[in-house]
Protein backbone atom coordinates (compact mmCIF):
# COMPACT_ATOMS: atom_id res chain seq x y z
CA MET A 1 37.41 -13.62 191.83
CA LYS A 2 34.71 -14.94 189.54
CA LYS A 3 34.73 -15.00 185.74
CA LEU A 4 31.30 -14.34 184.22
CA ILE A 5 30.50 -15.67 180.75
CA LEU A 6 27.36 -14.28 179.13
CA GLY A 7 26.87 -16.39 176.04
CA GLY A 8 29.00 -16.55 172.92
CA ARG A 9 29.89 -13.92 170.37
CA ALA A 10 26.34 -12.58 169.99
CA ILE A 11 22.67 -13.19 170.76
CA ILE A 12 20.40 -12.20 167.86
CA THR A 13 16.76 -11.49 168.68
CA GLY A 14 13.68 -10.45 166.74
CA ARG A 15 11.15 -12.06 164.44
CA GLY A 16 12.75 -13.29 161.24
CA SER A 17 16.21 -13.18 162.79
CA ILE A 18 17.14 -16.53 161.22
CA ALA A 19 18.04 -14.36 158.23
CA GLU A 20 21.27 -13.65 160.13
CA LEU A 21 22.49 -17.02 158.86
CA GLY A 22 23.01 -15.33 155.51
CA ASN A 23 25.94 -13.43 157.01
CA ILE A 24 27.80 -16.56 158.10
CA GLN A 25 31.17 -16.87 156.41
CA ALA A 26 31.25 -20.58 155.64
CA GLY A 27 31.21 -23.02 152.76
CA ARG A 28 29.70 -26.19 154.23
CA ALA A 29 26.88 -26.17 156.81
CA PHE A 30 25.86 -29.25 158.80
CA ILE A 31 22.34 -28.79 160.21
CA VAL A 32 21.39 -30.85 163.28
CA THR A 33 17.75 -31.10 164.32
CA GLY A 34 15.32 -33.28 166.24
CA GLY A 35 12.25 -35.14 164.99
CA SER A 36 9.99 -33.99 162.19
CA ALA A 37 8.67 -30.70 163.61
CA MET A 38 11.30 -28.42 162.05
CA GLN A 39 11.00 -30.28 158.75
CA THR A 40 7.20 -30.23 158.47
CA SER A 41 6.96 -26.60 159.58
CA GLY A 42 9.28 -25.56 156.76
CA ILE A 43 11.94 -24.14 159.09
CA ILE A 44 14.69 -26.46 157.81
CA ALA A 45 13.87 -25.55 154.22
CA LYS A 46 14.12 -21.84 155.11
CA LEU A 47 17.47 -22.33 156.81
CA GLU A 48 18.83 -24.26 153.84
CA ALA A 49 17.59 -21.60 151.42
CA ILE A 50 19.27 -18.82 153.43
CA LEU A 51 22.55 -20.71 153.69
CA GLN A 52 22.56 -21.84 150.07
CA ALA A 53 21.88 -18.29 148.88
CA ALA A 54 25.01 -17.28 150.80
CA GLY A 55 27.03 -19.91 148.95
CA CYS A 56 26.87 -22.73 151.54
CA VAL A 57 26.50 -26.39 150.73
CA THR A 58 24.12 -27.90 153.31
CA CYS A 59 23.53 -31.29 154.90
CA VAL A 60 20.64 -31.99 157.29
CA TYR A 61 20.98 -34.54 160.07
CA GLY A 62 17.72 -35.16 161.91
CA GLY A 63 16.19 -37.57 164.33
CA ILE A 64 17.80 -36.52 167.62
CA GLY A 65 15.18 -37.58 170.18
CA LYS A 66 14.45 -36.36 173.69
CA ASN A 67 17.11 -37.23 176.24
CA PRO A 68 19.84 -37.78 173.60
CA ASP A 69 22.26 -40.53 174.53
CA THR A 70 25.89 -41.20 173.77
CA GLN A 71 25.08 -43.33 170.72
CA ALA A 72 22.94 -40.58 169.17
CA VAL A 73 25.90 -38.21 169.47
CA LEU A 74 28.33 -40.71 167.97
CA ASP A 75 26.00 -41.50 165.05
CA GLY A 76 25.64 -37.80 164.26
CA LEU A 77 29.37 -37.29 164.61
CA ALA A 78 30.05 -40.03 162.06
CA SER A 79 27.82 -38.28 159.50
CA MET A 80 29.40 -34.98 160.33
CA ARG A 81 32.91 -36.29 159.70
CA LYS A 82 31.85 -37.60 156.30
CA PHE A 83 30.40 -34.21 155.32
CA ARG A 84 33.31 -32.14 156.73
CA PRO A 85 31.50 -28.86 157.60
CA ASP A 86 33.02 -25.57 158.66
CA VAL A 87 29.82 -24.47 160.41
CA LEU A 88 27.39 -26.46 162.55
CA VAL A 89 23.83 -25.16 162.86
CA ALA A 90 21.68 -26.76 165.59
CA VAL A 91 17.96 -26.01 165.39
CA GLY A 92 15.22 -27.38 167.62
CA GLY A 93 14.76 -28.05 171.30
CA GLY A 94 17.41 -28.56 173.92
CA SER A 95 18.04 -32.17 172.91
CA PRO A 96 19.44 -31.59 169.39
CA ILE A 97 21.36 -28.52 170.56
CA ASP A 98 22.95 -30.42 173.46
CA ALA A 99 23.84 -33.32 171.16
CA ALA A 100 25.30 -30.89 168.64
CA LYS A 101 27.47 -29.30 171.33
CA VAL A 102 29.24 -32.58 171.98
CA MET A 103 29.38 -33.43 168.28
CA ALA A 104 31.08 -30.08 167.63
CA LEU A 105 33.70 -30.61 170.31
CA PHE A 106 34.45 -34.21 169.33
CA TYR A 107 34.68 -33.12 165.69
CA ASP A 108 37.34 -30.53 166.49
CA TYR A 109 39.15 -32.90 168.88
CA PRO A 110 39.04 -36.41 167.32
CA GLU A 111 40.97 -37.88 170.26
CA LEU A 112 38.05 -37.19 172.62
CA ASP A 113 35.47 -39.81 173.55
CA PHE A 114 32.83 -40.15 176.25
CA ALA A 115 35.15 -42.03 178.59
CA SER A 116 37.72 -39.22 178.58
CA ALA A 117 34.99 -36.56 178.64
CA GLN A 118 33.86 -37.82 182.06
CA THR A 119 37.29 -38.00 183.65
CA ALA A 120 39.57 -35.44 181.98
CA GLU A 121 39.30 -31.68 181.67
CA LEU A 122 37.63 -30.82 178.39
CA PRO A 123 39.18 -28.35 175.91
CA GLN A 124 38.13 -24.78 176.68
CA ALA A 125 37.56 -23.69 173.06
CA ARG A 126 36.78 -25.17 169.66
CA LYS A 127 39.62 -25.06 167.14
CA GLN A 128 37.94 -24.00 163.89
CA LEU A 129 34.31 -25.10 163.59
CA GLN A 130 31.72 -22.32 163.85
CA PHE A 131 28.62 -23.14 165.86
CA VAL A 132 25.15 -21.56 165.65
CA ALA A 133 22.21 -22.50 167.89
CA ILE A 134 18.60 -21.70 167.02
CA PRO A 135 16.22 -22.91 169.77
CA SER A 136 12.65 -23.72 168.77
CA THR A 137 11.52 -24.28 172.37
CA SER A 138 11.70 -21.85 175.26
CA GLY A 139 13.23 -23.45 178.27
CA THR A 140 16.69 -24.96 178.30
CA GLY A 141 18.78 -21.84 177.66
CA THR A 142 21.31 -24.20 176.10
CA GLU A 143 21.98 -21.74 173.28
CA VAL A 144 24.01 -19.63 175.74
CA THR A 145 25.36 -22.15 178.26
CA ARG A 146 28.54 -24.16 178.65
CA ALA A 147 26.65 -27.35 179.55
CA ALA A 148 25.47 -30.29 177.46
CA VAL A 149 23.28 -32.94 179.09
CA ILE A 150 23.69 -36.44 177.63
CA THR A 151 22.09 -39.70 178.73
CA PHE A 152 24.47 -42.54 179.55
CA ARG A 153 22.20 -45.57 179.08
CA GLU A 154 24.55 -48.00 180.78
CA LEU A 155 24.46 -45.83 183.92
CA GLU A 156 20.74 -44.96 183.65
CA LEU A 157 21.80 -41.38 184.29
CA LYS A 158 21.88 -38.05 182.50
CA ILE A 159 25.24 -36.36 182.93
CA GLY A 160 25.95 -32.69 182.37
CA LEU A 161 29.28 -32.17 180.61
CA LYS A 162 30.68 -28.64 180.90
CA THR A 163 33.15 -26.48 179.01
CA PRO A 164 33.06 -22.97 177.49
CA ALA A 165 33.75 -24.72 174.18
CA PHE A 166 30.10 -25.83 174.19
CA ILE A 167 28.79 -22.26 174.01
CA PRO A 168 27.58 -21.53 170.47
CA ASP A 169 29.24 -18.59 168.74
CA LEU A 170 25.84 -17.28 167.71
CA ALA A 171 22.47 -17.75 169.40
CA ILE A 172 19.45 -16.80 167.30
CA LEU A 173 16.20 -16.21 169.23
CA ASP A 174 13.56 -16.04 166.51
CA ALA A 175 10.10 -16.15 168.10
CA ASP A 176 8.49 -17.16 164.81
CA ILE A 177 10.02 -20.62 165.23
CA THR A 178 8.45 -21.09 168.67
CA MET A 179 4.95 -20.97 167.19
CA THR A 180 5.33 -24.64 166.22
CA MET A 181 5.45 -25.82 169.86
CA PRO A 182 2.65 -28.12 171.08
CA ASP A 183 0.94 -26.97 174.28
CA ASN A 184 2.64 -29.54 176.51
CA VAL A 185 6.04 -28.50 175.20
CA VAL A 186 5.26 -24.84 175.92
CA ALA A 187 4.37 -25.82 179.49
CA GLU A 188 7.24 -28.19 180.18
CA THR A 189 10.03 -26.13 178.63
CA GLY A 190 8.69 -22.98 180.26
CA MET A 191 8.80 -24.65 183.67
CA ASP A 192 12.31 -25.84 182.92
CA ALA A 193 13.28 -22.18 182.44
CA LEU A 194 11.54 -21.19 185.67
CA THR A 195 13.38 -23.94 187.54
CA HIS A 196 16.66 -22.61 186.14
CA ALA A 197 15.87 -19.11 187.36
CA VAL A 198 14.63 -20.11 190.81
CA GLU A 199 17.39 -22.62 191.57
CA CYS A 200 19.95 -20.07 190.44
CA TYR A 201 18.48 -17.35 192.67
CA ILE A 202 18.57 -19.49 195.82
CA ASN A 203 21.99 -21.00 195.02
CA ARG A 204 24.69 -19.94 197.48
CA ASN A 205 27.00 -19.17 194.56
CA ALA A 206 24.65 -16.52 193.13
CA ASP A 207 26.34 -13.21 192.31
CA ASP A 208 24.87 -9.76 191.68
CA VAL A 209 24.67 -10.23 187.90
CA SER A 210 23.16 -13.71 187.88
CA ALA A 211 20.72 -12.78 190.68
CA VAL A 212 19.32 -9.87 188.69
CA LEU A 213 18.97 -12.06 185.59
CA ALA A 214 17.35 -14.88 187.57
CA LYS A 215 14.92 -12.64 189.42
CA GLY A 216 13.94 -10.82 186.22
CA ALA A 217 13.47 -14.12 184.40
CA THR A 218 11.29 -15.45 187.23
CA ALA A 219 8.99 -12.43 187.18
CA GLY A 220 8.85 -12.45 183.37
CA LEU A 221 8.02 -16.13 183.14
CA PHE A 222 5.26 -15.89 185.75
CA ALA A 223 3.75 -13.03 183.74
CA TRP A 224 4.07 -14.44 180.22
CA LEU A 225 4.23 -18.24 180.36
CA PRO A 226 0.50 -18.68 181.11
CA VAL A 227 -0.30 -16.34 178.22
CA SER A 228 2.00 -18.26 175.89
CA TYR A 229 0.33 -21.52 176.92
CA GLN A 230 -3.28 -20.34 176.83
CA GLU A 231 -3.37 -17.69 174.11
CA ARG A 232 -0.38 -18.67 171.92
CA THR A 233 0.32 -15.07 170.88
CA ILE A 234 3.55 -14.16 169.13
CA GLU A 235 4.19 -11.45 171.74
CA SER A 236 3.98 -13.93 174.63
CA ARG A 237 6.12 -16.49 172.79
CA GLU A 238 8.80 -13.87 172.19
CA LYS A 239 8.75 -12.73 175.82
CA VAL A 240 9.13 -16.28 177.15
CA HIS A 241 11.87 -16.97 174.59
CA HIS A 242 13.84 -14.01 175.91
CA TYR A 243 13.27 -14.76 179.60
CA GLN A 244 14.33 -18.39 179.25
CA CYS A 245 17.58 -17.17 177.69
CA MET A 246 18.10 -14.82 180.65
CA ALA A 247 17.59 -17.77 182.99
CA GLY A 248 20.19 -19.70 181.01
CA LEU A 249 22.73 -16.90 181.30
CA ALA A 250 22.04 -16.73 185.04
CA PHE A 251 22.42 -20.38 185.99
CA ASP A 252 25.40 -20.88 183.68
CA ASN A 253 27.35 -18.56 185.98
CA THR A 254 25.94 -19.87 189.25
CA GLY A 255 24.74 -23.46 189.21
CA LEU A 256 21.42 -25.12 189.99
CA GLY A 257 20.17 -27.45 192.72
CA MET A 258 18.29 -30.55 193.76
CA ALA A 259 15.40 -30.27 191.29
CA HIS A 260 17.87 -30.73 188.46
CA GLY A 261 19.71 -33.52 190.26
CA ILE A 262 16.42 -35.39 190.64
CA SER A 263 15.34 -34.63 187.08
CA HIS A 264 18.57 -35.94 185.57
CA ALA A 265 18.34 -39.16 187.57
CA LEU A 266 14.65 -39.79 186.86
CA GLY A 267 15.05 -38.80 183.21
CA GLY A 268 17.90 -41.27 182.80
CA ARG A 269 15.85 -44.05 184.40
CA PHE A 270 12.35 -43.42 183.02
CA ASN A 271 12.99 -41.44 179.80
CA LEU A 272 10.59 -38.65 180.75
CA GLY A 273 11.06 -35.08 179.54
CA HIS A 274 13.53 -32.96 181.49
CA GLY A 275 11.20 -29.95 181.77
CA LEU A 276 8.30 -32.12 182.93
CA LEU A 277 10.38 -33.65 185.72
CA ASN A 278 11.73 -30.26 186.79
CA ALA A 279 8.20 -28.90 186.96
CA ILE A 280 7.02 -31.79 189.14
CA ALA A 281 10.07 -31.65 191.39
CA LEU A 282 10.30 -27.89 191.93
CA PRO A 283 7.57 -27.39 194.60
CA TYR A 284 8.83 -30.38 196.64
CA VAL A 285 12.43 -29.18 196.42
CA LEU A 286 11.53 -25.63 197.41
CA ALA A 287 9.52 -26.89 200.37
CA TYR A 288 12.61 -28.81 201.54
CA ASN A 289 15.00 -25.90 200.97
CA ALA A 290 12.72 -23.37 202.68
CA GLN A 291 13.75 -24.80 206.05
CA ASP A 292 16.86 -22.65 205.65
CA PRO A 293 16.10 -19.03 206.69
CA VAL A 294 18.38 -17.61 203.99
CA VAL A 295 16.65 -19.62 201.26
CA ASP A 296 13.22 -18.74 202.65
CA GLY A 297 14.24 -15.08 202.50
CA ARG A 298 15.31 -15.45 198.88
CA LEU A 299 11.99 -17.10 198.05
CA ALA A 300 10.22 -14.20 199.75
CA GLU A 301 12.11 -11.83 197.45
CA LEU A 302 10.94 -13.82 194.43
CA ALA A 303 7.41 -13.75 195.83
CA GLN A 304 7.55 -9.97 196.02
CA SER A 305 8.65 -9.82 192.37
CA ILE A 306 5.40 -11.53 191.35
CA GLY A 307 3.15 -9.61 193.72
CA ARG A 308 3.05 -12.14 196.57
CA GLN A 309 4.33 -12.03 200.15
CA GLY A 310 6.53 -14.67 201.81
CA GLY A 311 8.51 -17.74 200.78
CA GLY A 312 5.54 -20.02 201.32
CA ALA A 313 3.46 -17.85 199.01
CA PHE A 314 6.05 -18.28 196.28
CA ILE A 315 5.93 -22.07 196.57
CA ALA A 316 2.13 -21.89 196.40
CA ALA A 317 2.44 -19.74 193.27
CA VAL A 318 4.65 -22.38 191.62
CA LYS A 319 2.03 -25.05 192.37
CA GLU A 320 -0.68 -22.79 190.98
CA LEU A 321 1.32 -22.20 187.80
CA ASN A 322 1.81 -25.95 187.38
CA ARG A 323 -1.95 -26.41 187.61
CA GLN A 324 -2.52 -23.71 184.97
CA LEU A 325 -0.13 -25.54 182.67
CA ALA A 326 -1.67 -29.00 183.29
CA ILE A 327 1.56 -30.32 184.85
CA PRO A 328 1.09 -33.55 186.85
CA VAL A 329 1.30 -33.04 190.62
CA SER A 330 3.11 -36.32 191.23
CA LEU A 331 5.37 -38.91 189.64
CA ALA A 332 2.49 -41.39 189.78
CA GLU A 333 0.32 -39.02 187.75
CA ALA A 334 3.18 -38.72 185.25
CA GLY A 335 3.05 -42.47 184.69
CA ILE A 336 5.75 -43.82 187.00
CA THR A 337 4.33 -46.82 188.84
CA CYS A 338 5.18 -47.66 192.42
CA ALA A 339 6.85 -50.89 191.26
CA ALA A 340 8.99 -49.02 188.73
CA LEU A 341 10.07 -46.48 191.34
CA GLU A 342 10.95 -49.18 193.86
CA GLU A 343 13.10 -51.17 191.41
CA ASP A 344 16.68 -50.50 192.52
CA PHE A 345 15.38 -47.64 194.66
CA ALA A 346 18.71 -47.34 196.47
CA GLY A 347 20.49 -46.85 193.14
CA LEU A 348 17.97 -44.21 192.10
CA VAL A 349 18.46 -42.34 195.37
CA GLU A 350 22.22 -42.47 194.87
CA ASN A 351 21.89 -41.01 191.36
CA CYS A 352 19.59 -38.25 192.63
CA LEU A 353 22.31 -37.17 195.04
CA LYS A 354 24.77 -36.61 192.19
CA GLY A 355 25.22 -33.70 189.79
CA SER A 356 23.31 -30.52 190.58
CA THR A 357 22.12 -31.84 193.95
CA ARG A 358 25.66 -31.33 195.21
CA ALA A 359 25.11 -27.57 194.77
CA ASN A 360 21.76 -27.56 196.59
CA PRO A 361 21.69 -24.76 199.21
CA VAL A 362 20.59 -27.24 201.90
CA PRO A 363 22.56 -30.52 202.16
CA VAL A 364 20.60 -33.71 201.44
CA THR A 365 21.20 -37.15 202.93
CA ALA A 366 20.25 -40.43 201.27
CA GLY A 367 17.41 -40.88 203.77
CA GLN A 368 16.07 -37.40 203.11
CA MET A 369 16.25 -37.94 199.34
CA ALA A 370 14.35 -41.21 199.69
CA GLU A 371 11.55 -39.39 201.55
CA ILE A 372 11.45 -36.60 198.96
CA LEU A 373 11.10 -39.13 196.12
CA LYS A 374 8.33 -41.01 197.95
CA HIS A 375 6.54 -37.72 198.57
CA MET A 376 6.93 -36.76 194.92
CA HIS A 377 5.47 -40.09 193.88
CA ARG A 378 2.34 -40.00 196.00
CA GLY A 379 1.77 -36.24 195.60
CA MET A 380 1.11 -33.40 197.97
């Protein structure tokens, strides 16, 4: 038996759908966001106006950076406890939404901390706080998933915490907000979504529902991500926004694989963007996994969905898409020096074997991981 969870209470789509906030039954809204993008674009002001018109007192907490760490969560939580909201609204990329997920849970359960969150089973539902997620980037799918990825600086590792209590009650997919994305963010978050879809589809835990979502998301992203990157049309942004959400729904019920295990380890060590690292890792990981006939067959099915033939053709298509999106072909090109990679290389390999790598369809030894990382560094 398998229990499928497809998001929270509702997913709201359509341009201008942030207006749905006006129907929230709440008196005090705590808004969590990232850097300055949502402020300077006027999105935060719009959200506050909608909420205030509905009778909500608002408080904005910004500054959540990429790869949010435990301290960023605790700082936000402290402000949240002072304000005492009954609804939390997270707007921005995956980083502020992931941070807000943990803030929301710790707020409802004051006895929780990061030490217990790593070792004990987390609560399965929030007690009272409402939670709304409004992604401004198109990649993480975090608005519909039960995972929150937080960087533990002392471990130099990003750890994915999981509980259904992290799933926002309401996910608002308003394509108008995505028009603020810089080109590199379009590319990197889009490849993050593709990695979600592909790793889900080849995962041995894939079921009929998640496989259909993952395959559809893969085909949709191949069709629309280059258009979103090159032409920046509202239609393409909306399509990618929807497909990345489908990928999120898929992997949340299945799991991922080695690309994400590597990305979490490298991101924790070098503070590079999660989507960028996934994009670099994906072709290398697929080449390794294709040694398994079942995986190669699944890749051939994905190839057929984008008009190609064979598992190798699909891997070539991923490389081609990376080139179209100006994604570096190697870790060296991304700025990681040989000396930096070699510093505590054994520890890095060990961290790469943790997390999502444990669900990789083909088992990976420490020696094999070391070779994959070296290959990723020097390039194909």
